[in-house]
Amino acid sequence: MAANSSNPTAMETMRDAAGGRFERARLFLSEVRNELKRVTWPSQKEVYATTIVVILTAVAIGLYLFALDQVLLNAVAWLFRRFGAGV
């Protein structure tokens, strides 16, 4: 189905209705404010709980990577000692 070029798109209509640069900026800020009114903000208790989860997860992943690094370090050192590449 071919698009009719005589019908302006929604964006073109909005741009024409908005006028100049300052009017477009005002429209943008107005739309941002309207969207922020629809946001469901978390409670302080929810923020605290999710912060604790993030911290514990970061610590757990850090400990896992540390242990993995130690295992690989020891494995490589053993290989070097085993095949005579020692210092």
Protein backbone atom coordinates (compact mmCIF):
# COMPACT_ATOMS: atom_id res chain seq x y z
CA MET A 1 0.00 0.00 0.00
CA ALA A 2 1.57 3.28 -1.09
CA ALA A 3 1.77 6.14 1.35
CA ASN A 4 0.03 9.34 0.35
CA SER A 5 2.63 12.13 0.38
CA SER A 6 -0.04 14.84 0.75
CA ASN A 7 -0.92 13.64 4.27
CA PRO A 8 1.59 14.93 6.82
CA THR A 9 2.98 12.49 9.36
CA ALA A 10 2.22 12.86 13.04
CA MET A 11 5.76 14.16 13.64
CA GLU A 12 5.41 16.80 10.92
CA THR A 13 2.06 17.88 12.33
CA MET A 14 3.53 18.16 15.80
CA ARG A 15 6.53 20.08 14.50
CA ASP A 16 4.29 22.54 12.66
CA ALA A 17 2.02 22.94 15.68
CA ALA A 18 4.96 23.47 18.00
CA GLY A 19 6.24 26.48 16.13
CA GLY A 20 9.73 27.75 16.94
CA ARG A 21 12.57 26.32 18.92
CA PHE A 22 11.39 27.65 22.28
CA GLU A 23 7.86 26.39 21.70
CA ARG A 24 9.19 22.92 20.87
CA ALA A 25 11.34 22.95 24.01
CA ARG A 26 8.31 23.97 26.10
CA LEU A 27 6.25 21.18 24.53
CA PHE A 28 9.01 18.65 25.20
CA LEU A 29 9.33 19.66 28.86
CA SER A 30 5.56 19.55 29.25
CA GLU A 31 5.49 15.99 27.89
CA VAL A 32 8.36 14.98 30.17
CA ARG A 33 6.46 16.33 33.18
CA ASN A 34 3.33 14.43 32.14
CA GLU A 35 5.30 11.19 31.80
CA LEU A 36 6.93 11.65 35.20
CA LYS A 37 3.49 11.98 36.78
CA ARG A 38 2.72 8.45 35.51
CA VAL A 39 5.86 6.90 37.00
CA THR A 40 5.37 4.56 39.94
CA TRP A 41 8.16 5.49 42.33
CA PRO A 42 9.45 2.78 44.72
CA SER A 43 9.05 3.18 48.45
CA GLN A 44 12.04 3.71 50.73
CA LYS A 45 11.69 0.10 51.93
CA GLU A 46 11.83 -1.22 48.34
CA VAL A 47 14.90 0.90 47.54
CA TYR A 48 16.65 -0.35 50.69
CA ALA A 49 15.85 -3.99 49.90
CA THR A 50 17.00 -3.83 46.29
CA THR A 51 20.17 -1.98 47.31
CA ILE A 52 21.03 -4.79 49.72
CA VAL A 53 20.40 -7.37 46.98
CA VAL A 54 22.71 -5.50 44.58
CA ILE A 55 25.50 -5.22 47.17
CA LEU A 56 25.26 -8.92 48.14
CA THR A 57 25.23 -9.97 44.48
CA ALA A 58 28.30 -7.85 43.72
CA VAL A 59 30.17 -9.33 46.70
CA ALA A 60 29.20 -12.88 45.71
CA ILE A 61 30.34 -12.38 42.10
CA GLY A 62 33.57 -10.76 43.32
CA LEU A 63 34.34 -13.72 45.61
CA TYR A 64 33.53 -16.16 42.80
CA LEU A 65 35.88 -14.37 40.38
CA PHE A 66 38.60 -14.20 43.04
CA ALA A 67 38.34 -17.97 43.67
CA LEU A 68 38.32 -18.72 39.93
CA ASP A 69 41.38 -16.51 39.45
CA GLN A 70 43.22 -18.32 42.24
CA VAL A 71 42.39 -21.76 40.78
CA LEU A 72 43.54 -20.73 37.30
CA LEU A 73 46.69 -19.10 38.71
CA ASN A 74 47.60 -22.28 40.57
CA ALA A 75 46.82 -24.43 37.52
CA VAL A 76 49.07 -22.35 35.26
CA ALA A 77 51.85 -22.31 37.89
CA TRP A 78 51.59 -26.11 38.19
CA LEU A 79 51.83 -26.47 34.40
CA PHE A 80 54.92 -24.29 34.30
CA ARG A 81 56.56 -26.27 37.12
CA ARG A 82 55.54 -29.60 35.56
CA PHE A 83 57.00 -28.88 32.14
CA GLY A 84 60.19 -27.17 33.27
CA ALA A 85 59.40 -23.52 32.61
CA GLY A 86 60.10 -22.57 36.23
CA VAL A 87 61.96 -19.45 37.25
